[in-house]
Amino acid sequence: MEKPIFKRLFAYVVDIIIVAVIASLFIDLPIVNPYLDKYIELSESMINYLTGVEVLTQDAINKMQYDFIYYSFYASLTLLIIKALYFIIFQYINGGKTIGKAIFKIEMVSVKKKLKLHQVLISSLIMCNILTQGITLLLLRTQSMNTFLKASNIISGIEMFILMTSIFLILMRKDGRGLHDLISGTLVKYREKERKEWE
C-alpha cells in the first residue's frame, strides 16, 4: 500500500511558489497596494531591529509588528485572493489537480462520488489557511492593535494545530487522508494511469 505523502508535499511547495510569483506581479502596483511605500519603510526598520542596529522597547516592537502587518494588508489580501482562485477555482476546474499535483501525477478526488466544488472549497479553506488568513485580515481592519495581536497569536496556534494534526493523520492513516480530507470527504491519490493500488 503506497501513499503519495512526499508527492503531496512537493506539489504544495510548487503551488505556493506559483501563487507567490503571480501575486508578486500585482503587489508592487500602487493601485493594488497603496501602502507600498509605508511597507518598504517598515521593512527597513524591521531589518534594523532584527540585525541589532536599532534597540526597541517591547511596546515599540509590538507597534512595529502591528504596523508592518497593517501596511501589508493589501499585499496580503491580493495573495489571499490569488491563493483562493488557484486552490479552489482552478483546482476544481482542472479536475482536482493544481499545477503542482499535475507535475507529480496526483489528484484530489471525492471518496464517494464525483468531486464537487464545495469539497475543494472546504479542503482548501482548511489546509491552505485561506479561512484563518481571511479572518486575520478582517480582524486587522476591525479591531484594536492589542486585540488583533492577541487574536492573531491564537489563530497562528490554530493553524499549527491543523497542520500538525493533518500531517499526523496523513502519516498514520492507511488511506493517507488528513484532517482537511476527512472533513471535506476527499483524498489525494495517484492519477489512474500512474498510481499503484494503494487505496
N, C-alpha and C. Protein backbone atom coordinates (compact mmCIF):
# COMPACT_ATOMS: atom_id res chain seq x y z
N MET A 1 0.85 -1.20 0.00
CA MET A 1 0.00 0.00 0.00
C MET A 1 0.89 1.25 0.00
N GLU A 2 0.73 2.08 -1.00
CA GLU A 2 1.60 3.24 -1.14
C GLU A 2 0.78 4.53 -1.15
N LYS A 3 1.25 5.52 -0.39
CA LYS A 3 0.55 6.79 -0.31
C LYS A 3 1.45 7.90 -0.85
N PRO A 4 0.87 8.86 -1.59
CA PRO A 4 1.69 9.93 -2.18
C PRO A 4 2.00 11.05 -1.20
N ILE A 5 2.58 10.70 -0.04
CA ILE A 5 2.82 11.69 1.01
C ILE A 5 3.82 12.74 0.56
N PHE A 6 4.99 12.31 0.11
CA PHE A 6 6.02 13.27 -0.26
C PHE A 6 5.66 14.00 -1.55
N LYS A 7 4.93 13.32 -2.43
CA LYS A 7 4.49 13.99 -3.64
C LYS A 7 3.52 15.12 -3.30
N ARG A 8 2.69 14.91 -2.28
CA ARG A 8 1.78 15.96 -1.82
C ARG A 8 2.56 17.16 -1.32
N LEU A 9 3.60 16.90 -0.55
CA LEU A 9 4.43 17.98 -0.01
C LEU A 9 5.11 18.76 -1.12
N PHE A 10 5.76 18.04 -2.04
CA PHE A 10 6.48 18.70 -3.13
C PHE A 10 5.51 19.46 -4.03
N ALA A 11 4.33 18.88 -4.28
CA ALA A 11 3.33 19.54 -5.12
C ALA A 11 2.87 20.84 -4.46
N TYR A 12 2.68 20.81 -3.15
CA TYR A 12 2.23 22.00 -2.43
C TYR A 12 3.30 23.10 -2.48
N VAL A 13 4.56 22.72 -2.35
CA VAL A 13 5.65 23.70 -2.44
C VAL A 13 5.65 24.37 -3.81
N VAL A 14 5.50 23.57 -4.86
CA VAL A 14 5.43 24.10 -6.23
C VAL A 14 4.26 25.07 -6.36
N ASP A 15 3.11 24.67 -5.83
CA ASP A 15 1.91 25.50 -5.93
C ASP A 15 2.06 26.83 -5.19
N ILE A 16 2.64 26.79 -4.00
CA ILE A 16 2.84 28.01 -3.22
C ILE A 16 3.79 28.96 -3.95
N ILE A 17 4.83 28.41 -4.58
CA ILE A 17 5.76 29.24 -5.35
C ILE A 17 5.03 29.90 -6.52
N ILE A 18 4.19 29.15 -7.20
CA ILE A 18 3.42 29.69 -8.33
C ILE A 18 2.50 30.81 -7.86
N VAL A 19 1.80 30.59 -6.75
CA VAL A 19 0.91 31.61 -6.19
C VAL A 19 1.69 32.86 -5.82
N ALA A 20 2.85 32.69 -5.19
CA ALA A 20 3.68 33.82 -4.77
C ALA A 20 4.18 34.62 -5.96
N VAL A 21 4.57 33.92 -7.02
CA VAL A 21 5.07 34.59 -8.23
C VAL A 21 3.96 35.41 -8.87
N ILE A 22 2.77 34.81 -8.98
CA ILE A 22 1.63 35.52 -9.56
C ILE A 22 1.29 36.75 -8.72
N ALA A 23 1.25 36.58 -7.40
CA ALA A 23 0.91 37.69 -6.51
C ALA A 23 1.94 38.82 -6.61
N SER A 24 3.21 38.45 -6.78
CA SER A 24 4.27 39.47 -6.85
C SER A 24 4.12 40.38 -8.07
N LEU A 25 3.43 39.91 -9.09
CA LEU A 25 3.20 40.72 -10.29
C LEU A 25 2.24 41.87 -10.01
N PHE A 26 1.41 41.71 -8.96
CA PHE A 26 0.40 42.71 -8.64
C PHE A 26 0.74 43.54 -7.41
N ILE A 27 1.45 42.96 -6.47
CA ILE A 27 1.68 43.60 -5.17
C ILE A 27 2.43 44.92 -5.29
N ASP A 28 3.34 45.04 -6.24
CA ASP A 28 4.13 46.26 -6.38
C ASP A 28 3.41 47.37 -7.15
N LEU A 29 2.19 47.12 -7.60
CA LEU A 29 1.43 48.14 -8.32
C LEU A 29 0.74 49.06 -7.32
N PRO A 30 0.99 50.38 -7.40
CA PRO A 30 0.39 51.32 -6.44
C PRO A 30 -1.13 51.24 -6.37
N ILE A 31 -1.78 50.96 -7.49
CA ILE A 31 -3.23 50.88 -7.49
C ILE A 31 -3.74 49.67 -6.70
N VAL A 32 -2.92 48.63 -6.63
CA VAL A 32 -3.27 47.42 -5.88
C VAL A 32 -2.82 47.53 -4.44
N ASN A 33 -1.67 48.14 -4.22
CA ASN A 33 -1.08 48.22 -2.89
C ASN A 33 -0.71 49.67 -2.55
N PRO A 34 -1.69 50.48 -2.14
CA PRO A 34 -1.42 51.90 -1.84
C PRO A 34 -0.50 52.12 -0.64
N TYR A 35 -0.27 51.07 0.16
CA TYR A 35 0.60 51.19 1.33
C TYR A 35 2.03 50.77 1.03
N LEU A 36 2.38 50.61 -0.22
CA LEU A 36 3.68 50.05 -0.58
C LEU A 36 4.86 50.82 0.02
N ASP A 37 4.83 52.15 -0.06
CA ASP A 37 5.93 52.96 0.47
C ASP A 37 6.08 52.77 1.98
N LYS A 38 4.95 52.77 2.70
CA LYS A 38 4.99 52.56 4.14
C LYS A 38 5.52 51.16 4.47
N TYR A 39 5.10 50.19 3.67
CA TYR A 39 5.53 48.80 3.88
C TYR A 39 7.04 48.68 3.72
N ILE A 40 7.59 49.31 2.69
CA ILE A 40 9.04 49.27 2.45
C ILE A 40 9.78 49.96 3.59
N GLU A 41 9.25 51.10 4.03
CA GLU A 41 9.88 51.84 5.14
C GLU A 41 9.90 50.99 6.42
N LEU A 42 8.80 50.34 6.72
CA LEU A 42 8.73 49.50 7.90
C LEU A 42 9.60 48.25 7.76
N SER A 43 9.73 47.75 6.56
CA SER A 43 10.60 46.59 6.31
C SER A 43 12.04 46.93 6.67
N GLU A 44 12.46 48.13 6.32
CA GLU A 44 13.82 48.58 6.65
C GLU A 44 13.99 48.71 8.17
N SER A 45 12.98 49.24 8.84
CA SER A 45 13.04 49.36 10.30
C SER A 45 13.08 47.98 10.96
N MET A 46 12.30 47.06 10.41
CA MET A 46 12.28 45.69 10.93
C MET A 46 13.65 45.04 10.78
N ILE A 47 14.30 45.24 9.64
CA ILE A 47 15.63 44.68 9.41
C ILE A 47 16.63 45.27 10.39
N ASN A 48 16.55 46.59 10.61
CA ASN A 48 17.45 47.25 11.57
C ASN A 48 17.28 46.67 12.97
N TYR A 49 16.03 46.38 13.35
CA TYR A 49 15.77 45.80 14.67
C TYR A 49 16.30 44.38 14.76
N LEU A 50 16.02 43.58 13.74
CA LEU A 50 16.44 42.18 13.76
C LEU A 50 17.95 42.01 13.70
N THR A 51 18.63 42.95 13.08
CA THR A 51 20.10 42.87 12.98
C THR A 51 20.81 43.57 14.13
N GLY A 52 20.02 44.13 15.06
CA GLY A 52 20.62 44.76 16.24
C GLY A 52 21.06 46.19 16.04
N VAL A 53 20.79 46.76 14.88
CA VAL A 53 21.16 48.15 14.62
C VAL A 53 20.33 49.10 15.49
N GLU A 54 19.09 48.73 15.71
CA GLU A 54 18.16 49.55 16.48
C GLU A 54 17.61 48.75 17.65
N VAL A 55 17.63 49.35 18.85
CA VAL A 55 17.10 48.71 20.05
C VAL A 55 15.75 49.34 20.38
N LEU A 56 14.74 48.50 20.59
CA LEU A 56 13.39 48.99 20.82
C LEU A 56 12.81 48.43 22.11
N THR A 57 11.87 49.17 22.70
CA THR A 57 11.14 48.67 23.85
C THR A 57 10.10 47.66 23.36
N GLN A 58 9.52 46.89 24.29
CA GLN A 58 8.52 45.90 23.90
C GLN A 58 7.30 46.55 23.26
N ASP A 59 6.89 47.72 23.80
CA ASP A 59 5.75 48.43 23.22
C ASP A 59 6.05 48.86 21.78
N ALA A 60 7.28 49.32 21.56
CA ALA A 60 7.67 49.75 20.22
C ALA A 60 7.74 48.57 19.26
N ILE A 61 8.17 47.43 19.78
CA ILE A 61 8.23 46.20 18.96
C ILE A 61 6.82 45.78 18.56
N ASN A 62 5.89 45.81 19.53
CA ASN A 62 4.50 45.46 19.24
C ASN A 62 3.89 46.40 18.20
N LYS A 63 4.18 47.69 18.36
CA LYS A 63 3.65 48.70 17.42
C LYS A 63 4.23 48.48 16.03
N MET A 64 5.53 48.20 15.96
CA MET A 64 6.16 47.98 14.66
C MET A 64 5.61 46.71 14.00
N GLN A 65 5.42 45.67 14.81
CA GLN A 65 4.86 44.42 14.30
C GLN A 65 3.45 44.66 13.75
N TYR A 66 2.66 45.39 14.50
CA TYR A 66 1.29 45.68 14.06
C TYR A 66 1.27 46.53 12.80
N ASP A 67 2.08 47.58 12.78
CA ASP A 67 2.13 48.46 11.61
C ASP A 67 2.60 47.70 10.38
N PHE A 68 3.56 46.81 10.56
CA PHE A 68 4.08 46.01 9.45
C PHE A 68 2.96 45.16 8.84
N ILE A 69 2.16 44.54 9.71
CA ILE A 69 1.05 43.73 9.24
C ILE A 69 -0.04 44.62 8.63
N TYR A 70 -0.30 45.76 9.29
CA TYR A 70 -1.35 46.67 8.83
C TYR A 70 -1.05 47.19 7.42
N TYR A 71 0.19 47.62 7.21
CA TYR A 71 0.53 48.19 5.91
C TYR A 71 0.80 47.13 4.84
N SER A 72 0.77 45.87 5.24
CA SER A 72 0.87 44.80 4.25
C SER A 72 -0.53 44.23 3.94
N PHE A 73 -1.57 44.94 4.42
CA PHE A 73 -2.94 44.45 4.26
C PHE A 73 -3.29 44.15 2.81
N TYR A 74 -3.06 45.10 1.93
CA TYR A 74 -3.46 44.92 0.54
C TYR A 74 -2.61 43.86 -0.16
N ALA A 75 -1.34 43.78 0.23
CA ALA A 75 -0.48 42.73 -0.31
C ALA A 75 -0.99 41.36 0.15
N SER A 76 -1.35 41.27 1.43
CA SER A 76 -1.86 40.01 1.98
C SER A 76 -3.21 39.65 1.37
N LEU A 77 -4.06 40.67 1.15
CA LEU A 77 -5.37 40.43 0.55
C LEU A 77 -5.21 39.94 -0.89
N THR A 78 -4.28 40.55 -1.63
CA THR A 78 -4.02 40.12 -3.01
C THR A 78 -3.55 38.68 -3.04
N LEU A 79 -2.63 38.35 -2.15
CA LEU A 79 -2.11 36.98 -2.07
C LEU A 79 -3.23 36.00 -1.72
N LEU A 80 -4.10 36.40 -0.79
CA LEU A 80 -5.20 35.54 -0.36
C LEU A 80 -6.18 35.28 -1.51
N ILE A 81 -6.51 36.32 -2.26
CA ILE A 81 -7.43 36.17 -3.39
C ILE A 81 -6.85 35.24 -4.45
N ILE A 82 -5.58 35.44 -4.77
CA ILE A 82 -4.93 34.59 -5.78
C ILE A 82 -4.84 33.15 -5.28
N LYS A 83 -4.54 32.98 -4.00
CA LYS A 83 -4.47 31.64 -3.43
C LYS A 83 -5.83 30.95 -3.51
N ALA A 84 -6.90 31.70 -3.20
CA ALA A 84 -8.26 31.13 -3.27
C ALA A 84 -8.63 30.76 -4.70
N LEU A 85 -8.34 31.64 -5.64
CA LEU A 85 -8.65 31.37 -7.05
C LEU A 85 -7.89 30.14 -7.55
N TYR A 86 -6.64 30.03 -7.12
CA TYR A 86 -5.79 28.93 -7.59
C TYR A 86 -6.19 27.60 -6.97
N PHE A 87 -6.27 27.56 -5.64
CA PHE A 87 -6.51 26.29 -4.96
C PHE A 87 -7.97 25.85 -4.99
N ILE A 88 -8.89 26.79 -5.16
CA ILE A 88 -10.30 26.42 -5.18
C ILE A 88 -10.83 26.35 -6.62
N ILE A 89 -10.86 27.49 -7.29
CA ILE A 89 -11.47 27.55 -8.63
C ILE A 89 -10.65 26.77 -9.66
N PHE A 90 -9.36 27.09 -9.76
CA PHE A 90 -8.53 26.42 -10.76
C PHE A 90 -8.44 24.92 -10.51
N GLN A 91 -8.25 24.54 -9.25
CA GLN A 91 -8.13 23.12 -8.93
C GLN A 91 -9.42 22.36 -9.25
N TYR A 92 -10.55 22.99 -8.97
CA TYR A 92 -11.83 22.34 -9.28
C TYR A 92 -12.04 22.20 -10.78
N ILE A 93 -11.81 23.29 -11.51
CA ILE A 93 -11.99 23.26 -12.97
C ILE A 93 -11.05 22.25 -13.60
N ASN A 94 -9.88 22.09 -13.00
CA ASN A 94 -8.87 21.19 -13.55
C ASN A 94 -9.00 19.76 -13.01
N GLY A 95 -10.18 19.43 -12.49
CA GLY A 95 -10.44 18.05 -12.07
C GLY A 95 -9.66 17.59 -10.85
N GLY A 96 -9.48 18.49 -9.87
CA GLY A 96 -8.79 18.11 -8.63
C GLY A 96 -7.28 18.18 -8.72
N LYS A 97 -6.78 18.85 -9.76
CA LYS A 97 -5.33 18.96 -9.93
C LYS A 97 -4.90 20.42 -10.01
N THR A 98 -3.92 20.77 -9.22
CA THR A 98 -3.21 22.02 -9.37
C THR A 98 -2.03 21.75 -10.30
N ILE A 99 -1.25 22.75 -10.61
CA ILE A 99 -0.06 22.54 -11.44
C ILE A 99 0.92 21.63 -10.72
N GLY A 100 1.08 21.85 -9.41
CA GLY A 100 1.98 21.01 -8.62
C GLY A 100 1.52 19.56 -8.61
N LYS A 101 0.24 19.35 -8.40
CA LYS A 101 -0.30 17.99 -8.41
C LYS A 101 -0.13 17.33 -9.78
N ALA A 102 -0.34 18.11 -10.84
CA ALA A 102 -0.19 17.57 -12.19
C ALA A 102 1.25 17.14 -12.45
N ILE A 103 2.19 17.95 -11.99
CA ILE A 103 3.61 17.63 -12.18
C ILE A 103 3.96 16.31 -11.48
N PHE A 104 3.44 16.13 -10.28
CA PHE A 104 3.77 14.93 -9.50
C PHE A 104 2.73 13.81 -9.67
N LYS A 105 1.82 14.01 -10.63
CA LYS A 105 0.88 12.96 -11.04
C LYS A 105 -0.01 12.47 -9.90
N ILE A 106 -0.54 13.43 -9.13
CA ILE A 106 -1.51 13.11 -8.10
C ILE A 106 -2.73 14.00 -8.30
N GLU A 107 -3.83 13.67 -7.64
CA GLU A 107 -5.03 14.46 -7.80
C GLU A 107 -5.93 14.32 -6.58
N MET A 108 -6.75 15.34 -6.36
CA MET A 108 -7.75 15.29 -5.31
C MET A 108 -9.02 14.66 -5.89
N VAL A 109 -9.57 13.69 -5.18
CA VAL A 109 -10.81 13.05 -5.62
C VAL A 109 -11.77 12.96 -4.45
N SER A 110 -13.02 12.75 -4.76
CA SER A 110 -14.03 12.52 -3.73
C SER A 110 -13.99 11.05 -3.32
N VAL A 111 -14.24 10.78 -2.06
CA VAL A 111 -14.21 9.38 -1.60
C VAL A 111 -15.45 8.61 -2.04
N LYS A 112 -16.50 9.32 -2.47
CA LYS A 112 -17.73 8.61 -2.83
C LYS A 112 -18.13 8.86 -4.28
N LYS A 113 -18.39 10.11 -4.62
CA LYS A 113 -18.88 10.42 -5.96
C LYS A 113 -17.91 11.35 -6.67
N LYS A 114 -18.38 11.97 -7.73
CA LYS A 114 -17.57 12.93 -8.47
C LYS A 114 -17.21 14.11 -7.58
N LEU A 115 -15.99 14.61 -7.72
CA LEU A 115 -15.51 15.72 -6.90
C LEU A 115 -16.40 16.95 -7.10
N LYS A 116 -16.86 17.52 -5.98
CA LYS A 116 -17.73 18.69 -6.02
C LYS A 116 -16.96 19.95 -5.61
N LEU A 117 -17.47 21.10 -6.06
CA LEU A 117 -16.83 22.37 -5.74
C LEU A 117 -16.75 22.60 -4.25
N HIS A 118 -17.81 22.28 -3.51
CA HIS A 118 -17.80 22.53 -2.07
C HIS A 118 -16.74 21.68 -1.36
N GLN A 119 -16.40 20.52 -1.90
CA GLN A 119 -15.36 19.68 -1.31
C GLN A 119 -13.98 20.33 -1.47
N VAL A 120 -13.73 20.84 -2.68
CA VAL A 120 -12.46 21.54 -2.93
C VAL A 120 -12.39 22.80 -2.07
N LEU A 121 -13.53 23.48 -1.95
CA LEU A 121 -13.61 24.71 -1.14
C LEU A 121 -13.26 24.42 0.31
N ILE A 122 -13.91 23.43 0.90
CA ILE A 122 -13.68 23.11 2.32
C ILE A 122 -12.25 22.66 2.55
N SER A 123 -11.74 21.78 1.69
CA SER A 123 -10.37 21.28 1.84
C SER A 123 -9.35 22.42 1.76
N SER A 124 -9.53 23.31 0.79
CA SER A 124 -8.57 24.40 0.59
C SER A 124 -8.68 25.46 1.68
N LEU A 125 -9.90 25.75 2.13
CA LEU A 125 -10.07 26.72 3.21
C LEU A 125 -9.32 26.29 4.46
N ILE A 126 -9.32 24.97 4.71
CA ILE A 126 -8.66 24.45 5.91
C ILE A 126 -7.17 24.31 5.71
N MET A 127 -6.75 23.54 4.71
CA MET A 127 -5.34 23.18 4.58
C MET A 127 -4.47 24.31 4.07
N CYS A 128 -5.02 25.18 3.24
CA CYS A 128 -4.23 26.29 2.69
C CYS A 128 -4.34 27.55 3.54
N ASN A 129 -4.97 27.43 4.71
CA ASN A 129 -5.11 28.55 5.66
C ASN A 129 -5.88 29.73 5.07
N ILE A 130 -6.69 29.49 4.06
CA ILE A 130 -7.43 30.58 3.43
C ILE A 130 -8.45 31.16 4.42
N LEU A 131 -9.13 30.30 5.16
CA LEU A 131 -10.13 30.76 6.11
C LEU A 131 -9.50 31.54 7.25
N THR A 132 -8.46 30.98 7.86
CA THR A 132 -7.83 31.66 9.00
C THR A 132 -7.16 32.97 8.58
N GLN A 133 -6.57 32.99 7.40
CA GLN A 133 -5.94 34.22 6.92
C GLN A 133 -6.99 35.28 6.60
N GLY A 134 -8.14 34.85 6.09
CA GLY A 134 -9.22 35.78 5.84
C GLY A 134 -9.74 36.38 7.14
N ILE A 135 -9.88 35.56 8.16
CA ILE A 135 -10.32 36.05 9.47
C ILE A 135 -9.30 37.02 10.05
N THR A 136 -8.02 36.71 9.89
CA THR A 136 -6.96 37.59 10.38
C THR A 136 -7.03 38.96 9.73
N LEU A 137 -7.24 39.00 8.42
CA LEU A 137 -7.33 40.28 7.71
C LEU A 137 -8.57 41.06 8.14
N LEU A 138 -9.66 40.35 8.41
CA LEU A 138 -10.88 41.01 8.88
C LEU A 138 -10.65 41.63 10.26
N LEU A 139 -10.01 40.90 11.13
CA LEU A 139 -9.71 41.42 12.47
C LEU A 139 -8.76 42.61 12.40
N LEU A 140 -7.82 42.55 11.45
CA LEU A 140 -6.85 43.64 11.29
C LEU A 140 -7.55 44.97 11.02
N ARG A 141 -8.64 44.93 10.28
CA ARG A 141 -9.33 46.15 9.88
C ARG A 141 -10.45 46.56 10.85
N THR A 142 -10.77 45.69 11.79
CA THR A 142 -11.91 45.99 12.66
C THR A 142 -11.56 46.06 14.15
N GLN A 143 -10.38 45.60 14.54
CA GLN A 143 -10.04 45.53 15.96
C GLN A 143 -8.86 46.43 16.30
N SER A 144 -8.73 46.70 17.58
CA SER A 144 -7.58 47.50 18.05
C SER A 144 -6.30 46.69 17.93
N MET A 145 -5.17 47.38 18.08
CA MET A 145 -3.88 46.73 17.95
C MET A 145 -3.72 45.58 18.94
N ASN A 146 -4.01 45.83 20.21
CA ASN A 146 -3.81 44.80 21.23
C ASN A 146 -4.73 43.60 21.01
N THR A 147 -5.98 43.86 20.67
CA THR A 147 -6.93 42.77 20.40
C THR A 147 -6.48 41.96 19.20
N PHE A 148 -6.05 42.66 18.17
CA PHE A 148 -5.61 41.97 16.95
C PHE A 148 -4.39 41.09 17.22
N LEU A 149 -3.40 41.62 17.92
CA LEU A 149 -2.18 40.86 18.18
C LEU A 149 -2.47 39.60 19.00
N LYS A 150 -3.35 39.73 19.99
CA LYS A 150 -3.73 38.56 20.79
C LYS A 150 -4.47 37.54 19.93
N ALA A 151 -5.41 38.02 19.12
CA ALA A 151 -6.20 37.13 18.26
C ALA A 151 -5.33 36.46 17.22
N SER A 152 -4.39 37.20 16.66
CA SER A 152 -3.53 36.62 15.61
C SER A 152 -2.64 35.52 16.17
N ASN A 153 -2.23 35.67 17.43
CA ASN A 153 -1.44 34.61 18.07
C ASN A 153 -2.28 33.34 18.25
N ILE A 154 -3.54 33.52 18.63
CA ILE A 154 -4.44 32.37 18.78
C ILE A 154 -4.68 31.70 17.43
N ILE A 155 -4.89 32.51 16.39
CA ILE A 155 -5.12 31.97 15.04
C ILE A 155 -3.89 31.22 14.54
N SER A 156 -2.71 31.75 14.82
CA SER A 156 -1.47 31.06 14.43
C SER A 156 -1.38 29.70 15.11
N GLY A 157 -1.80 29.64 16.38
CA GLY A 157 -1.81 28.37 17.11
C GLY A 157 -2.79 27.38 16.49
N ILE A 158 -3.95 27.88 16.07
CA ILE A 158 -4.94 27.03 15.41
C ILE A 158 -4.40 26.49 14.10
N GLU A 159 -3.74 27.35 13.33
CA GLU A 159 -3.15 26.92 12.06
C GLU A 159 -2.10 25.82 12.28
N MET A 160 -1.28 26.00 13.31
CA MET A 160 -0.26 25.00 13.62
C MET A 160 -0.90 23.68 14.04
N PHE A 161 -1.96 23.76 14.84
CA PHE A 161 -2.67 22.55 15.28
C PHE A 161 -3.25 21.80 14.08
N ILE A 162 -3.88 22.53 13.18
CA ILE A 162 -4.46 21.91 11.98
C ILE A 162 -3.38 21.24 11.14
N LEU A 163 -2.26 21.95 10.96
CA LEU A 163 -1.16 21.41 10.16
C LEU A 163 -0.60 20.15 10.77
N MET A 164 -0.29 20.18 12.08
CA MET A 164 0.31 19.02 12.73
C MET A 164 -0.66 17.85 12.78
N THR A 165 -1.94 18.14 13.01
CA THR A 165 -2.95 17.07 13.04
C THR A 165 -3.08 16.42 11.67
N SER A 166 -3.09 17.24 10.63
CA SER A 166 -3.20 16.70 9.27
C SER A 166 -1.99 15.85 8.91
N ILE A 167 -0.81 16.33 9.25
CA ILE A 167 0.41 15.56 8.95
C ILE A 167 0.38 14.23 9.69
N PHE A 168 -0.02 14.26 10.96
CA PHE A 168 -0.10 13.03 11.75
C PHE A 168 -1.07 12.04 11.12
N LEU A 169 -2.26 12.52 10.74
CA LEU A 169 -3.26 11.64 10.14
C LEU A 169 -2.81 11.10 8.79
N ILE A 170 -2.17 11.95 7.99
CA ILE A 170 -1.68 11.50 6.68
C ILE A 170 -0.66 10.39 6.84
N LEU A 171 0.19 10.53 7.84
CA LEU A 171 1.23 9.51 8.08
C LEU A 171 0.66 8.23 8.67
N MET A 172 -0.35 8.36 9.53
CA MET A 172 -0.84 7.21 10.27
C MET A 172 -1.98 6.46 9.59
N ARG A 173 -2.79 7.17 8.84
CA ARG A 173 -3.95 6.51 8.22
C ARG A 173 -3.54 5.73 6.97
N LYS A 174 -4.17 4.60 6.79
CA LYS A 174 -3.89 3.74 5.64
C LYS A 174 -4.21 4.44 4.32
N ASP A 175 -5.28 5.27 4.32
CA ASP A 175 -5.67 5.96 3.10
C ASP A 175 -4.97 7.31 2.92
N GLY A 176 -4.13 7.70 3.89
CA GLY A 176 -3.36 8.93 3.77
C GLY A 176 -4.19 10.20 3.82
N ARG A 177 -5.34 10.15 4.44
CA ARG A 177 -6.21 11.32 4.50
C ARG A 177 -5.91 12.18 5.73
N GLY A 178 -5.73 13.48 5.49
CA GLY A 178 -5.51 14.41 6.58
C GLY A 178 -6.82 14.95 7.13
N LEU A 179 -6.74 15.84 8.10
CA LEU A 179 -7.92 16.40 8.73
C LEU A 179 -8.82 17.07 7.70
N HIS A 180 -8.22 17.86 6.80
CA HIS A 180 -8.98 18.56 5.77
C HIS A 180 -9.65 17.58 4.80
N ASP A 181 -8.98 16.45 4.53
CA ASP A 181 -9.56 15.42 3.67
C ASP A 181 -10.79 14.79 4.32
N LEU A 182 -10.67 14.50 5.61
CA LEU A 182 -11.76 13.86 6.33
C LEU A 182 -12.98 14.77 6.41
N ILE A 183 -12.75 16.05 6.66
CA ILE A 183 -13.86 17.00 6.77
C ILE A 183 -14.53 17.24 5.42
N SER A 184 -13.72 17.31 4.36
CA SER A 184 -14.27 17.62 3.02
C SER A 184 -14.72 16.38 2.25
N GLY A 185 -14.39 15.19 2.76
CA GLY A 185 -14.77 13.97 2.06
C GLY A 185 -13.93 13.72 0.82
N THR A 186 -12.65 14.08 0.89
CA THR A 186 -11.75 13.90 -0.26
C THR A 186 -10.54 13.07 0.15
N LEU A 187 -9.77 12.68 -0.85
CA LEU A 187 -8.45 12.10 -0.62
C LEU A 187 -7.58 12.45 -1.81
N VAL A 188 -6.28 12.37 -1.62
CA VAL A 188 -5.33 12.62 -2.70
C VAL A 188 -4.70 11.30 -3.08
N LYS A 189 -4.73 10.99 -4.37
CA LYS A 189 -4.20 9.71 -4.83
C LYS A 189 -3.45 9.89 -6.14
N TYR A 190 -2.75 8.84 -6.53
CA TYR A 190 -2.08 8.85 -7.82
C TYR A 190 -3.11 8.89 -8.93
N ARG A 191 -2.80 9.58 -10.01
CA ARG A 191 -3.68 9.56 -11.17
C ARG A 191 -3.80 8.14 -11.70
N GLU A 192 -4.93 7.83 -12.27
CA GLU A 192 -5.27 6.45 -12.64
C GLU A 192 -4.18 5.75 -13.44
N LYS A 193 -3.54 6.45 -14.36
CA LYS A 193 -2.55 5.80 -15.21
C LYS A 193 -1.21 5.64 -14.52
N GLU A 194 -1.03 6.34 -13.39
CA GLU A 194 0.28 6.35 -12.74
C GLU A 194 0.29 5.62 -11.41
N ARG A 195 -0.88 5.52 -10.77
CA ARG A 195 -0.89 5.04 -9.39
C ARG A 195 -0.74 3.53 -9.28
N LYS A 196 -0.30 3.11 -8.11
CA LYS A 196 -0.33 1.70 -7.73
C LYS A 196 -1.58 1.51 -6.88
N GLU A 197 -2.04 0.34 -6.74
CA GLU A 197 -3.26 0.09 -5.98
C GLU A 197 -2.97 0.19 -4.48
N TRP A 198 -3.08 1.42 -3.96
CA TRP A 198 -2.80 1.63 -2.54
C TRP A 198 -4.06 1.97 -1.75
N GLU A 199 -5.07 2.53 -2.43
CA GLU A 199 -6.24 2.97 -1.66
C GLU A 199 -7.17 1.81 -1.36
